[in-house]
Amino acid sequence: MGMKPFLYGSFYSNPAIVSNFLIRINPFASQHFELQSHSFDLADRLFYSVKDSYQSLMICSSDFKELIPEFYFFPEFLKNRNEYNLGSRQNKDIVNNVALPDWAQDEYEFVFRMRKLL
């Protein structure tokens, strides 16, 4: 495609990426809210699905998020237990809990398997 190979076009971890992954728990929900001028970001840009995030990383050279430690020890970040209104995506899907891969029955199994793979 005419581009020279590179690893990252910017820093791969930053507070915005971390707060996006952890948006369902405080203090990260509050930080995200402040970062986005007292509202949550557009629902289509929020962490919504493990599968969708993975596919975006594989297809889009400007998407370079890395997994944060919580993927390996803190299943609570995947559930919207505080019932934040995170909006609806353009396809009308409501952003609530993170959609997990088919191989995980719940957030606890997901984190357990991720840690086992690590």
PDB file of N, CA and C in Angstrom:
ATOM      1  N   MET A   1       0.821  -1.192   0.000  1.00  0.00           N
ATOM      2  CA  MET A   1       0.000   0.000   0.000  1.00  0.00           C
ATOM      3  C   MET A   1       0.863   1.253   0.000  1.00  0.00           C
ATOM      4  N   GLY A   2       2.143   1.114  -0.262  1.00  0.00           N
ATOM      5  CA  GLY A   2       3.006   2.263  -0.367  1.00  0.00           C
ATOM      6  C   GLY A   2       3.566   2.759   0.952  1.00  0.00           C
ATOM      7  N   MET A   3       3.220   2.111   2.077  1.00  0.00           N
ATOM      8  CA  MET A   3       3.737   2.543   3.373  1.00  0.00           C
ATOM      9  C   MET A   3       4.916   1.675   3.769  1.00  0.00           C
ATOM     10  N   LYS A   4       5.909   2.297   4.366  1.00  0.00           N
ATOM     11  CA  LYS A   4       7.023   1.533   4.897  1.00  0.00           C
ATOM     12  C   LYS A   4       6.584   0.878   6.206  1.00  0.00           C
ATOM     13  N   PRO A   5       7.063  -0.325   6.483  1.00  0.00           N
ATOM     14  CA  PRO A   5       6.680  -1.000   7.726  1.00  0.00           C
ATOM     15  C   PRO A   5       7.129  -0.209   8.959  1.00  0.00           C
ATOM     16  N   PHE A   6       6.300  -0.221   9.983  1.00  0.00           N
ATOM     17  CA  PHE A   6       6.625   0.418  11.252  1.00  0.00           C
ATOM     18  C   PHE A   6       5.855  -0.279  12.357  1.00  0.00           C
ATOM     19  N   LEU A   7       6.297  -0.111  13.587  1.00  0.00           N
ATOM     20  CA  LEU A   7       5.600  -0.731  14.708  1.00  0.00           C
ATOM     21  C   LEU A   7       4.457   0.144  15.206  1.00  0.00           C
ATOM     22  N   TYR A   8       4.767   1.361  15.643  1.00  0.00           N
ATOM     23  CA  TYR A   8       3.750   2.235  16.196  1.00  0.00           C
ATOM     24  C   TYR A   8       3.917   3.648  15.644  1.00  0.00           C
ATOM     25  N   GLY A   9       2.823   4.260  15.257  1.00  0.00           N
ATOM     26  CA  GLY A   9       2.870   5.617  14.772  1.00  0.00           C
ATOM     27  C   GLY A   9       2.746   6.637  15.890  1.00  0.00           C
ATOM     28  N   SER A  10       2.488   6.153  17.082  1.00  0.00           N
ATOM     29  CA  SER A  10       2.341   7.010  18.255  1.00  0.00           C
ATOM     30  C   SER A  10       2.609   6.146  19.478  1.00  0.00           C
ATOM     31  N   PHE A  11       2.445   6.729  20.657  1.00  0.00           N
ATOM     32  CA  PHE A  11       2.614   5.931  21.864  1.00  0.00           C
ATOM     33  C   PHE A  11       1.461   4.951  21.977  1.00  0.00           C
ATOM     34  N   TYR A  12       1.750   3.716  22.314  1.00  0.00           N
ATOM     35  CA  TYR A  12       0.743   2.669  22.311  1.00  0.00           C
ATOM     36  C   TYR A  12      -0.108   2.642  23.566  1.00  0.00           C
ATOM     37  N   SER A  13       0.362   3.125  24.691  1.00  0.00           N
ATOM     38  CA  SER A  13      -0.464   3.251  25.894  1.00  0.00           C
ATOM     39  C   SER A  13      -0.494   4.711  26.307  1.00  0.00           C
ATOM     40  N   ASN A  14      -1.668   5.162  26.625  1.00  0.00           N
ATOM     41  CA  ASN A  14      -1.805   6.512  27.144  1.00  0.00           C
ATOM     42  C   ASN A  14      -3.070   6.551  28.005  1.00  0.00           C
ATOM     43  N   PRO A  15      -3.257   7.595  28.784  1.00  0.00           N
ATOM     44  CA  PRO A  15      -4.422   7.643  29.679  1.00  0.00           C
ATOM     45  C   PRO A  15      -5.768   7.497  28.957  1.00  0.00           C
ATOM     46  N   ALA A  16      -5.880   8.014  27.758  1.00  0.00           N
ATOM     47  CA  ALA A  16      -7.154   7.912  27.029  1.00  0.00           C
ATOM     48  C   ALA A  16      -7.475   6.458  26.689  1.00  0.00           C
ATOM     49  N   ILE A  17      -6.482   5.693  26.273  1.00  0.00           N
ATOM     50  CA  ILE A  17      -6.703   4.281  25.938  1.00  0.00           C
ATOM     51  C   ILE A  17      -7.046   3.492  27.192  1.00  0.00           C
ATOM     52  N   VAL A  18      -6.309   3.728  28.266  1.00  0.00           N
ATOM     53  CA  VAL A  18      -6.571   3.020  29.513  1.00  0.00           C
ATOM     54  C   VAL A  18      -7.963   3.348  30.035  1.00  0.00           C
ATOM     55  N   SER A  19      -8.340   4.622  30.047  1.00  0.00           N
ATOM     56  CA  SER A  19      -9.676   4.977  30.544  1.00  0.00           C
ATOM     57  C   SER A  19     -10.771   4.435  29.637  1.00  0.00           C
ATOM     58  N   ASN A  20     -10.495   4.264  28.352  1.00  0.00           N
ATOM     59  CA  ASN A  20     -11.480   3.676  27.445  1.00  0.00           C
ATOM     60  C   ASN A  20     -11.719   2.201  27.790  1.00  0.00           C
ATOM     61  N   PHE A  21     -10.661   1.463  28.071  1.00  0.00           N
ATOM     62  CA  PHE A  21     -10.817   0.067  28.478  1.00  0.00           C
ATOM     63  C   PHE A  21     -11.544  -0.040  29.825  1.00  0.00           C
ATOM     64  N   LEU A  22     -11.251   0.878  30.742  1.00  0.00           N
ATOM     65  CA  LEU A  22     -11.765   0.793  32.111  1.00  0.00           C
ATOM     66  C   LEU A  22     -12.951   1.712  32.371  1.00  0.00           C
ATOM     67  N   ILE A  23     -13.640   2.118  31.326  1.00  0.00           N
ATOM     68  CA  ILE A  23     -14.704   3.111  31.423  1.00  0.00           C
ATOM     69  C   ILE A  23     -15.875   2.683  32.313  1.00  0.00           C
ATOM     70  N   ARG A  24     -16.024   1.417  32.555  1.00  0.00           N
ATOM     71  CA  ARG A  24     -17.160   0.922  33.321  1.00  0.00           C
ATOM     72  C   ARG A  24     -16.954   0.967  34.835  1.00  0.00           C
ATOM     73  N   ILE A  25     -15.762   1.372  35.286  1.00  0.00           N
ATOM     74  CA  ILE A  25     -15.482   1.443  36.718  1.00  0.00           C
ATOM     75  C   ILE A  25     -14.859   2.796  37.061  1.00  0.00           C
ATOM     76  N   ASN A  26     -15.066   3.208  38.293  1.00  0.00           N
ATOM     77  CA  ASN A  26     -14.422   4.438  38.764  1.00  0.00           C
ATOM     78  C   ASN A  26     -13.082   4.100  39.394  1.00  0.00           C
ATOM     79  N   PRO A  27     -12.133   5.007  39.360  1.00  0.00           N
ATOM     80  CA  PRO A  27     -12.216   6.418  38.974  1.00  0.00           C
ATOM     81  C   PRO A  27     -12.093   6.646  37.471  1.00  0.00           C
ATOM     82  N   PHE A  28     -11.952   5.588  36.690  1.00  0.00           N
ATOM     83  CA  PHE A  28     -11.700   5.736  35.256  1.00  0.00           C
ATOM     84  C   PHE A  28     -12.901   6.287  34.504  1.00  0.00           C
ATOM     85  N   ALA A  29     -14.110   5.945  34.931  1.00  0.00           N
ATOM     86  CA  ALA A  29     -15.305   6.509  34.293  1.00  0.00           C
ATOM     87  C   ALA A  29     -15.316   8.027  34.465  1.00  0.00           C
ATOM     88  N   SER A  30     -14.993   8.483  35.658  1.00  0.00           N
ATOM     89  CA  SER A  30     -14.950   9.928  35.923  1.00  0.00           C
ATOM     90  C   SER A  30     -13.852  10.604  35.115  1.00  0.00           C
ATOM     91  N   GLN A  31     -12.693   9.959  35.027  1.00  0.00           N
ATOM     92  CA  GLN A  31     -11.590  10.529  34.242  1.00  0.00           C
ATOM     93  C   GLN A  31     -11.974  10.625  32.772  1.00  0.00           C
ATOM     94  N   HIS A  32     -12.601   9.565  32.247  1.00  0.00           N
ATOM     95  CA  HIS A  32     -13.031   9.572  30.849  1.00  0.00           C
ATOM     96  C   HIS A  32     -14.058  10.691  30.632  1.00  0.00           C
ATOM     97  N   PHE A  33     -14.982  10.809  31.557  1.00  0.00           N
ATOM     98  CA  PHE A  33     -16.019  11.827  31.488  1.00  0.00           C
ATOM     99  C   PHE A  33     -15.401  13.228  31.432  1.00  0.00           C
ATOM    100  N   GLU A  34     -14.398  13.468  32.268  1.00  0.00           N
ATOM    101  CA  GLU A  34     -13.697  14.756  32.275  1.00  0.00           C
ATOM    102  C   GLU A  34     -12.920  14.967  30.976  1.00  0.00           C
ATOM    103  N   LEU A  35     -12.241  13.926  30.527  1.00  0.00           N
ATOM    104  CA  LEU A  35     -11.443  14.000  29.306  1.00  0.00           C
ATOM    105  C   LEU A  35     -12.306  14.342  28.085  1.00  0.00           C
ATOM    106  N   GLN A  36     -13.549  13.892  28.089  1.00  0.00           N
ATOM    107  CA  GLN A  36     -14.449  14.108  26.959  1.00  0.00           C
ATOM    108  C   GLN A  36     -15.407  15.279  27.187  1.00  0.00           C
ATOM    109  N   SER A  37     -14.990  16.275  27.943  1.00  0.00           N
ATOM    110  CA  SER A  37     -15.784  17.495  28.173  1.00  0.00           C
ATOM    111  C   SER A  37     -17.139  17.199  28.813  1.00  0.00           C
ATOM    112  N   HIS A  38     -17.122  16.409  29.872  1.00  0.00           N
ATOM    113  CA  HIS A  38     -18.296  16.103  30.694  1.00  0.00           C
ATOM    114  C   HIS A  38     -19.372  15.309  29.967  1.00  0.00           C
ATOM    115  N   SER A  39     -18.919  14.375  29.164  1.00  0.00           N
ATOM    116  CA  SER A  39     -19.829  13.405  28.543  1.00  0.00           C
ATOM    117  C   SER A  39     -18.989  12.184  28.196  1.00  0.00           C
ATOM    118  N   PHE A  40     -19.648  11.091  27.942  1.00  0.00           N
ATOM    119  CA  PHE A  40     -18.915   9.930  27.458  1.00  0.00           C
ATOM    120  C   PHE A  40     -18.671  10.097  25.969  1.00  0.00           C
ATOM    121  N   ASP A  41     -17.619   9.493  25.477  1.00  0.00           N
ATOM    122  CA  ASP A  41     -17.278   9.566  24.057  1.00  0.00           C
ATOM    123  C   ASP A  41     -18.391   8.924  23.231  1.00  0.00           C
ATOM    124  N   LEU A  42     -18.333   9.100  21.940  1.00  0.00           N
ATOM    125  CA  LEU A  42     -19.310   8.459  21.054  1.00  0.00           C
ATOM    126  C   LEU A  42     -19.300   6.961  21.274  1.00  0.00           C
ATOM    127  N   ALA A  43     -20.466   6.367  21.338  1.00  0.00           N
ATOM    128  CA  ALA A  43     -20.590   4.943  21.646  1.00  0.00           C
ATOM    129  C   ALA A  43     -19.806   4.064  20.672  1.00  0.00           C
ATOM    130  N   ASP A  44     -19.711   4.463  19.423  1.00  0.00           N
ATOM    131  CA  ASP A  44     -18.985   3.667  18.433  1.00  0.00           C
ATOM    132  C   ASP A  44     -17.479   3.637  18.694  1.00  0.00           C
ATOM    133  N   ARG A  45     -16.977   4.550  19.509  1.00  0.00           N
ATOM    134  CA  ARG A  45     -15.545   4.580  19.792  1.00  0.00           C
ATOM    135  C   ARG A  45     -15.200   3.954  21.144  1.00  0.00           C
ATOM    136  N   LEU A  46     -16.209   3.553  21.909  1.00  0.00           N
ATOM    137  CA  LEU A  46     -15.961   2.967  23.219  1.00  0.00           C
ATOM    138  C   LEU A  46     -15.594   1.489  23.087  1.00  0.00           C
ATOM    139  N   PHE A  47     -14.914   0.979  24.108  1.00  0.00           N
ATOM    140  CA  PHE A  47     -14.587  -0.453  24.164  1.00  0.00           C
ATOM    141  C   PHE A  47     -15.893  -1.215  24.355  1.00  0.00           C
ATOM    142  N   TYR A  48     -16.257  -1.962  23.346  1.00  0.00           N
ATOM    143  CA  TYR A  48     -17.573  -2.583  23.279  1.00  0.00           C
ATOM    144  C   TYR A  48     -17.486  -4.104  23.201  1.00  0.00           C
ATOM    145  N   SER A  49     -16.499  -4.602  22.485  1.00  0.00           N
ATOM    146  CA  SER A  49     -16.409  -6.022  22.190  1.00  0.00           C
ATOM    147  C   SER A  49     -14.945  -6.430  22.064  1.00  0.00           C
ATOM    148  N   VAL A  50     -14.591  -7.536  22.685  1.00  0.00           N
ATOM    149  CA  VAL A  50     -13.229  -8.054  22.561  1.00  0.00           C
ATOM    150  C   VAL A  50     -12.951  -8.408  21.100  1.00  0.00           C
ATOM    151  N   LYS A  51     -13.886  -9.067  20.458  1.00  0.00           N
ATOM    152  CA  LYS A  51     -13.710  -9.480  19.061  1.00  0.00           C
ATOM    153  C   LYS A  51     -13.550  -8.266  18.138  1.00  0.00           C
ATOM    154  N   ASP A  52     -14.418  -7.270  18.295  1.00  0.00           N
ATOM    155  CA  ASP A  52     -14.333  -6.072  17.451  1.00  0.00           C
ATOM    156  C   ASP A  52     -13.025  -5.322  17.662  1.00  0.00           C
ATOM    157  N   SER A  53     -12.572  -5.247  18.913  1.00  0.00           N
ATOM    158  CA  SER A  53     -11.303  -4.567  19.199  1.00  0.00           C
ATOM    159  C   SER A  53     -10.140  -5.308  18.553  1.00  0.00           C
ATOM    160  N   TYR A  54     -10.160  -6.627  18.636  1.00  0.00           N
ATOM    161  CA  TYR A  54      -9.101  -7.430  18.025  1.00  0.00           C
ATOM    162  C   TYR A  54      -9.095  -7.236  16.505  1.00  0.00           C
ATOM    163  N   GLN A  55     -10.268  -7.309  15.892  1.00  0.00           N
ATOM    164  CA  GLN A  55     -10.348  -7.143  14.441  1.00  0.00           C
ATOM    165  C   GLN A  55      -9.863  -5.764  14.007  1.00  0.00           C
ATOM    166  N   SER A  56     -10.183  -4.742  14.778  1.00  0.00           N
ATOM    167  CA  SER A  56      -9.719  -3.398  14.453  1.00  0.00           C
ATOM    168  C   SER A  56      -8.198  -3.320  14.510  1.00  0.00           C
ATOM    169  N   LEU A  57      -7.603  -3.947  15.506  1.00  0.00           N
ATOM    170  CA  LEU A  57      -6.151  -3.953  15.634  1.00  0.00           C
ATOM    171  C   LEU A  57      -5.485  -4.654  14.455  1.00  0.00           C
ATOM    172  N   MET A  58      -6.115  -5.686  13.941  1.00  0.00           N
ATOM    173  CA  MET A  58      -5.539  -6.465  12.852  1.00  0.00           C
ATOM    174  C   MET A  58      -5.685  -5.775  11.497  1.00  0.00           C
ATOM    175  N   ILE A  59      -6.699  -4.928  11.357  1.00  0.00           N
ATOM    176  CA  ILE A  59      -7.000  -4.308  10.070  1.00  0.00           C
ATOM    177  C   ILE A  59      -6.470  -2.873   9.961  1.00  0.00           C
ATOM    178  N   CYS A  60      -6.571  -2.123  11.031  1.00  0.00           N
ATOM    179  CA  CYS A  60      -6.302  -0.688  10.989  1.00  0.00           C
ATOM    180  C   CYS A  60      -4.918  -0.360  11.558  1.00  0.00           C
ATOM    181  N   SER A  61      -4.051   0.206  10.731  1.00  0.00           N
ATOM    182  CA  SER A  61      -2.685   0.508  11.170  1.00  0.00           C
ATOM    183  C   SER A  61      -2.631   1.659  12.178  1.00  0.00           C
ATOM    184  N   SER A  62      -3.711   2.412  12.323  1.00  0.00           N
ATOM    185  CA  SER A  62      -3.715   3.499  13.295  1.00  0.00           C
ATOM    186  C   SER A  62      -4.297   3.065  14.644  1.00  0.00           C
ATOM    187  N   ASP A  63      -4.716   1.808  14.754  1.00  0.00           N
ATOM    188  CA  ASP A  63      -5.237   1.267  16.017  1.00  0.00           C
ATOM    189  C   ASP A  63      -4.146   0.385  16.605  1.00  0.00           C
ATOM    190  N   PHE A  64      -3.579   0.800  17.720  1.00  0.00           N
ATOM    191  CA  PHE A  64      -2.433   0.080  18.261  1.00  0.00           C
ATOM    192  C   PHE A  64      -2.541  -0.090  19.770  1.00  0.00           C
ATOM    193  N   LYS A  65      -3.750  -0.296  20.255  1.00  0.00           N
ATOM    194  CA  LYS A  65      -3.934  -0.501  21.685  1.00  0.00           C
ATOM    195  C   LYS A  65      -3.255  -1.802  22.113  1.00  0.00           C
ATOM    196  N   GLU A  66      -2.706  -1.776  23.314  1.00  0.00           N
ATOM    197  CA  GLU A  66      -2.164  -2.992  23.890  1.00  0.00           C
ATOM    198  C   GLU A  66      -3.050  -3.407  25.052  1.00  0.00           C
ATOM    199  N   LEU A  67      -3.016  -4.679  25.376  1.00  0.00           N
ATOM    200  CA  LEU A  67      -3.809  -5.141  26.498  1.00  0.00           C
ATOM    201  C   LEU A  67      -3.230  -4.595  27.796  1.00  0.00           C
ATOM    202  N   ILE A  68      -4.116  -4.149  28.653  1.00  0.00           N
ATOM    203  CA  ILE A  68      -3.698  -3.629  29.951  1.00  0.00           C
ATOM    204  C   ILE A  68      -3.727  -4.773  30.960  1.00  0.00           C
ATOM    205  N   PRO A  69      -3.055  -4.656  32.090  1.00  0.00           N
ATOM    206  CA  PRO A  69      -2.992  -5.759  33.065  1.00  0.00           C
ATOM    207  C   PRO A  69      -4.348  -6.274  33.519  1.00  0.00           C
ATOM    208  N   GLU A  70      -5.364  -5.425  33.547  1.00  0.00           N
ATOM    209  CA  GLU A  70      -6.686  -5.836  34.010  1.00  0.00           C
ATOM    210  C   GLU A  70      -7.272  -6.996  33.210  1.00  0.00           C
ATOM    211  N   PHE A  71      -6.845  -7.175  31.977  1.00  0.00           N
ATOM    212  CA  PHE A  71      -7.315  -8.305  31.171  1.00  0.00           C
ATOM    213  C   PHE A  71      -6.904  -9.646  31.785  1.00  0.00           C
ATOM    214  N   TYR A  72      -5.960  -9.617  32.709  1.00  0.00           N
ATOM    215  CA  TYR A  72      -5.411 -10.841  33.284  1.00  0.00           C
ATOM    216  C   TYR A  72      -5.737 -11.036  34.758  1.00  0.00           C
ATOM    217  N   PHE A  73      -6.385 -10.042  35.397  1.00  0.00           N
ATOM    218  CA  PHE A  73      -6.655 -10.234  36.817  1.00  0.00           C
ATOM    219  C   PHE A  73      -7.926  -9.564  37.337  1.00  0.00           C
ATOM    220  N   PHE A  74      -8.606  -8.745  36.565  1.00  0.00           N
ATOM    221  CA  PHE A  74      -9.698  -7.930  37.096  1.00  0.00           C
ATOM    222  C   PHE A  74     -10.947  -8.022  36.214  1.00  0.00           C
ATOM    223  N   PRO A  75     -11.718  -9.088  36.333  1.00  0.00           N
ATOM    224  CA  PRO A  75     -12.882  -9.275  35.451  1.00  0.00           C
ATOM    225  C   PRO A  75     -13.965  -8.206  35.593  1.00  0.00           C
ATOM    226  N   GLU A  76     -14.005  -7.517  36.710  1.00  0.00           N
ATOM    227  CA  GLU A  76     -15.051  -6.530  36.948  1.00  0.00           C
ATOM    228  C   GLU A  76     -15.052  -5.385  35.933  1.00  0.00           C
ATOM    229  N   PHE A  77     -13.930  -5.128  35.278  1.00  0.00           N
ATOM    230  CA  PHE A  77     -13.887  -4.009  34.331  1.00  0.00           C
ATOM    231  C   PHE A  77     -14.688  -4.292  33.056  1.00  0.00           C
ATOM    232  N   LEU A  78     -15.105  -5.527  32.870  1.00  0.00           N
ATOM    233  CA  LEU A  78     -15.848  -5.909  31.669  1.00  0.00           C
ATOM    234  C   LEU A  78     -17.368  -5.777  31.828  1.00  0.00           C
ATOM    235  N   LYS A  79     -17.834  -5.519  33.034  1.00  0.00           N
ATOM    236  CA  LYS A  79     -19.266  -5.395  33.305  1.00  0.00           C
ATOM    237  C   LYS A  79     -19.608  -3.956  33.691  1.00  0.00           C
ATOM    238  N   ASN A  80     -20.759  -3.520  33.269  1.00  0.00           N
ATOM    239  CA  ASN A  80     -21.239  -2.173  33.575  1.00  0.00           C
ATOM    240  C   ASN A  80     -22.102  -2.225  34.842  1.00  0.00           C
ATOM    241  N   ARG A  81     -21.484  -2.583  35.945  1.00  0.00           N
ATOM    242  CA  ARG A  81     -22.218  -2.726  37.204  1.00  0.00           C
ATOM    243  C   ARG A  81     -22.759  -1.392  37.727  1.00  0.00           C
ATOM    244  N   ASN A  82     -22.147  -0.296  37.347  1.00  0.00           N
ATOM    245  CA  ASN A  82     -22.623   1.020  37.770  1.00  0.00           C
ATOM    246  C   ASN A  82     -23.746   1.544  36.881  1.00  0.00           C
ATOM    247  N   GLU A  83     -24.079   0.789  35.854  1.00  0.00           N
ATOM    248  CA  GLU A  83     -25.175   1.115  34.936  1.00  0.00           C
ATOM    249  C   GLU A  83     -25.017   2.504  34.311  1.00  0.00           C
ATOM    250  N   TYR A  84     -23.794   2.810  33.887  1.00  0.00           N
ATOM    251  CA  TYR A  84     -23.558   4.062  33.168  1.00  0.00           C
ATOM    252  C   TYR A  84     -24.276   4.005  31.824  1.00  0.00           C
ATOM    253  N   ASN A  85     -24.843   5.131  31.431  1.00  0.00           N
ATOM    254  CA  ASN A  85     -25.463   5.226  30.118  1.00  0.00           C
ATOM    255  C   ASN A  85     -24.355   5.558  29.112  1.00  0.00           C
ATOM    256  N   LEU A  86     -23.862   4.540  28.430  1.00  0.00           N
ATOM    257  CA  LEU A  86     -22.747   4.709  27.496  1.00  0.00           C
ATOM    258  C   LEU A  86     -23.221   4.935  26.060  1.00  0.00           C
ATOM    259  N   GLY A  87     -24.521   4.989  25.876  1.00  0.00           N
ATOM    260  CA  GLY A  87     -25.069   5.321  24.563  1.00  0.00           C
ATOM    261  C   GLY A  87     -25.319   4.123  23.677  1.00  0.00           C
ATOM    262  N   SER A  88     -25.684   4.401  22.448  1.00  0.00           N
ATOM    263  CA  SER A  88     -25.976   3.377  21.437  1.00  0.00           C
ATOM    264  C   SER A  88     -25.069   3.588  20.239  1.00  0.00           C
ATOM    265  N   ARG A  89     -24.642   2.485  19.658  1.00  0.00           N
ATOM    266  CA  ARG A  89     -23.814   2.538  18.466  1.00  0.00           C
ATOM    267  C   ARG A  89     -24.687   2.872  17.262  1.00  0.00           C
ATOM    268  N   GLN A  90     -24.062   3.167  16.137  1.00  0.00           N
ATOM    269  CA  GLN A  90     -24.819   3.514  14.934  1.00  0.00           C
ATOM    270  C   GLN A  90     -25.741   2.380  14.490  1.00  0.00           C
ATOM    271  N   ASN A  91     -25.357   1.135  14.796  1.00  0.00           N
ATOM    272  CA  ASN A  91     -26.208   0.001  14.424  1.00  0.00           C
ATOM    273  C   ASN A  91     -27.315  -0.246  15.450  1.00  0.00           C
ATOM    274  N   LYS A  92     -27.474   0.684  16.398  1.00  0.00           N
ATOM    275  CA  LYS A  92     -28.513   0.682  17.440  1.00  0.00           C
ATOM    276  C   LYS A  92     -28.196  -0.234  18.625  1.00  0.00           C
ATOM    277  N   ASP A  93     -27.046  -0.932  18.632  1.00  0.00           N
ATOM    278  CA  ASP A  93     -26.655  -1.736  19.781  1.00  0.00           C
ATOM    279  C   ASP A  93     -26.340  -0.819  20.958  1.00  0.00           C
ATOM    280  N   ILE A  94     -26.891  -1.136  22.119  1.00  0.00           N
ATOM    281  CA  ILE A  94     -26.624  -0.371  23.323  1.00  0.00           C
ATOM    282  C   ILE A  94     -25.281  -0.813  23.894  1.00  0.00           C
ATOM    283  N   VAL A  95     -24.442   0.143  24.241  1.00  0.00           N
ATOM    284  CA  VAL A  95     -23.149  -0.168  24.855  1.00  0.00           C
ATOM    285  C   VAL A  95     -23.384  -0.348  26.345  1.00  0.00           C
ATOM    286  N   ASN A  96     -23.122  -1.554  26.808  1.00  0.00           N
ATOM    287  CA  ASN A  96     -23.322  -1.859  28.212  1.00  0.00           C
ATOM    288  C   ASN A  96     -22.136  -2.695  28.695  1.00  0.00           C
ATOM    289  N   ASN A  97     -22.313  -4.011  28.830  1.00  0.00           N
ATOM    290  CA  ASN A  97     -21.207  -4.895  29.178  1.00  0.00           C
ATOM    291  C   ASN A  97     -20.371  -5.168  27.935  1.00  0.00           C
ATOM    292  N   VAL A  98     -19.103  -5.495  28.123  1.00  0.00           N
ATOM    293  CA  VAL A  98     -18.237  -5.826  26.993  1.00  0.00           C
ATOM    294  C   VAL A  98     -18.653  -7.185  26.440  1.00  0.00           C
ATOM    295  N   ALA A  99     -18.832  -7.267  25.131  1.00  0.00           N
ATOM    296  CA  ALA A  99     -19.144  -8.544  24.475  1.00  0.00           C
ATOM    297  C   ALA A  99     -17.884  -9.401  24.491  1.00  0.00           C
ATOM    298  N   LEU A 100     -18.010 -10.596  25.054  1.00  0.00           N
ATOM    299  CA  LEU A 100     -16.870 -11.500  25.206  1.00  0.00           C
ATOM    300  C   LEU A 100     -16.836 -12.517  24.072  1.00  0.00           C
ATOM    301  N   PRO A 101     -15.682 -13.135  23.855  1.00  0.00           N
ATOM    302  CA  PRO A 101     -15.599 -14.187  22.836  1.00  0.00           C
ATOM    303  C   PRO A 101     -16.500 -15.374  23.196  1.00  0.00           C
ATOM    304  N   ASP A 102     -16.849 -16.162  22.208  1.00  0.00           N
ATOM    305  CA  ASP A 102     -17.735 -17.300  22.426  1.00  0.00           C
ATOM    306  C   ASP A 102     -17.164 -18.312  23.418  1.00  0.00           C
ATOM    307  N   TRP A 103     -15.854 -18.392  23.534  1.00  0.00           N
ATOM    308  CA  TRP A 103     -15.240 -19.379  24.421  1.00  0.00           C
ATOM    309  C   TRP A 103     -15.309 -19.004  25.893  1.00  0.00           C
ATOM    310  N   ALA A 104     -15.806 -17.826  26.219  1.00  0.00           N
ATOM    311  CA  ALA A 104     -15.917 -17.394  27.617  1.00  0.00           C
ATOM    312  C   ALA A 104     -17.386 -17.281  28.003  1.00  0.00           C
ATOM    313  N   GLN A 105     -17.779 -18.021  29.035  1.00  0.00           N
ATOM    314  CA  GLN A 105     -19.162 -17.951  29.497  1.00  0.00           C
ATOM    315  C   GLN A 105     -19.453 -16.660  30.252  1.00  0.00           C
ATOM    316  N   ASP A 106     -18.443 -16.124  30.927  1.00  0.00           N
ATOM    317  CA  ASP A 106     -18.608 -14.876  31.671  1.00  0.00           C
ATOM    318  C   ASP A 106     -17.251 -14.196  31.808  1.00  0.00           C
ATOM    319  N   GLU A 107     -17.252 -13.039  32.450  1.00  0.00           N
ATOM    320  CA  GLU A 107     -16.022 -12.270  32.576  1.00  0.00           C
ATOM    321  C   GLU A 107     -14.963 -12.975  33.424  1.00  0.00           C
ATOM    322  N   TYR A 108     -15.395 -13.799  34.365  1.00  0.00           N
ATOM    323  CA  TYR A 108     -14.439 -14.520  35.220  1.00  0.00           C
ATOM    324  C   TYR A 108     -13.697 -15.595  34.429  1.00  0.00           C
ATOM    325  N   GLU A 109     -14.433 -16.322  33.596  1.00  0.00           N
ATOM    326  CA  GLU A 109     -13.782 -17.330  32.756  1.00  0.00           C
ATOM    327  C   GLU A 109     -12.858 -16.659  31.740  1.00  0.00           C
ATOM    328  N   PHE A 110     -13.284 -15.525  31.183  1.00  0.00           N
ATOM    329  CA  PHE A 110     -12.445 -14.815  30.223  1.00  0.00           C
ATOM    330  C   PHE A 110     -11.097 -14.453  30.843  1.00  0.00           C
ATOM    331  N   VAL A 111     -11.123 -13.814  32.009  1.00  0.00           N
ATOM    332  CA  VAL A 111      -9.887 -13.392  32.666  1.00  0.00           C
ATOM    333  C   VAL A 111      -9.058 -14.603  33.096  1.00  0.00           C
ATOM    334  N   PHE A 112      -9.719 -15.654  33.582  1.00  0.00           N
ATOM    335  CA  PHE A 112      -9.000 -16.863  33.976  1.00  0.00           C
ATOM    336  C   PHE A 112      -8.237 -17.457  32.788  1.00  0.00           C
ATOM    337  N   ARG A 113      -8.910 -17.562  31.655  1.00  0.00           N
ATOM    338  CA  ARG A 113      -8.253 -18.127  30.468  1.00  0.00           C
ATOM    339  C   ARG A 113      -7.157 -17.212  29.926  1.00  0.00           C
ATOM    340  N   MET A 114      -7.392 -15.919  29.970  1.00  0.00           N
ATOM    341  CA  MET A 114      -6.359 -14.982  29.528  1.00  0.00           C
ATOM    342  C   MET A 114      -5.102 -15.122  30.384  1.00  0.00           C
ATOM    343  N   ARG A 115      -5.294 -15.230  31.690  1.00  0.00           N
ATOM    344  CA  ARG A 115      -4.162 -15.375  32.594  1.00  0.00           C
ATOM    345  C   ARG A 115      -3.469 -16.710  32.360  1.00  0.00           C
ATOM    346  N   LYS A 116      -4.240 -17.748  32.113  1.00  0.00           N
ATOM    347  CA  LYS A 116      -3.664 -19.068  31.847  1.00  0.00           C
ATOM    348  C   LYS A 116      -2.810 -19.049  30.564  1.00  0.00           C
ATOM    349  N   LEU A 117      -3.286 -18.344  29.546  1.00  0.00           N
ATOM    350  CA  LEU A 117      -2.540 -18.220  28.303  1.00  0.00           C
ATOM    351  C   LEU A 117      -1.255 -17.413  28.476  1.00  0.00           C
ATOM    352  N   LEU A 118      -1.301 -16.438  29.365  1.00  0.00           N
ATOM    353  CA  LEU A 118      -0.134 -15.598  29.600  1.00  0.00           C
ATOM    354  C   LEU A 118       0.989 -16.410  30.221  1.00  0.00           C
TER     355      LEU A 118
END
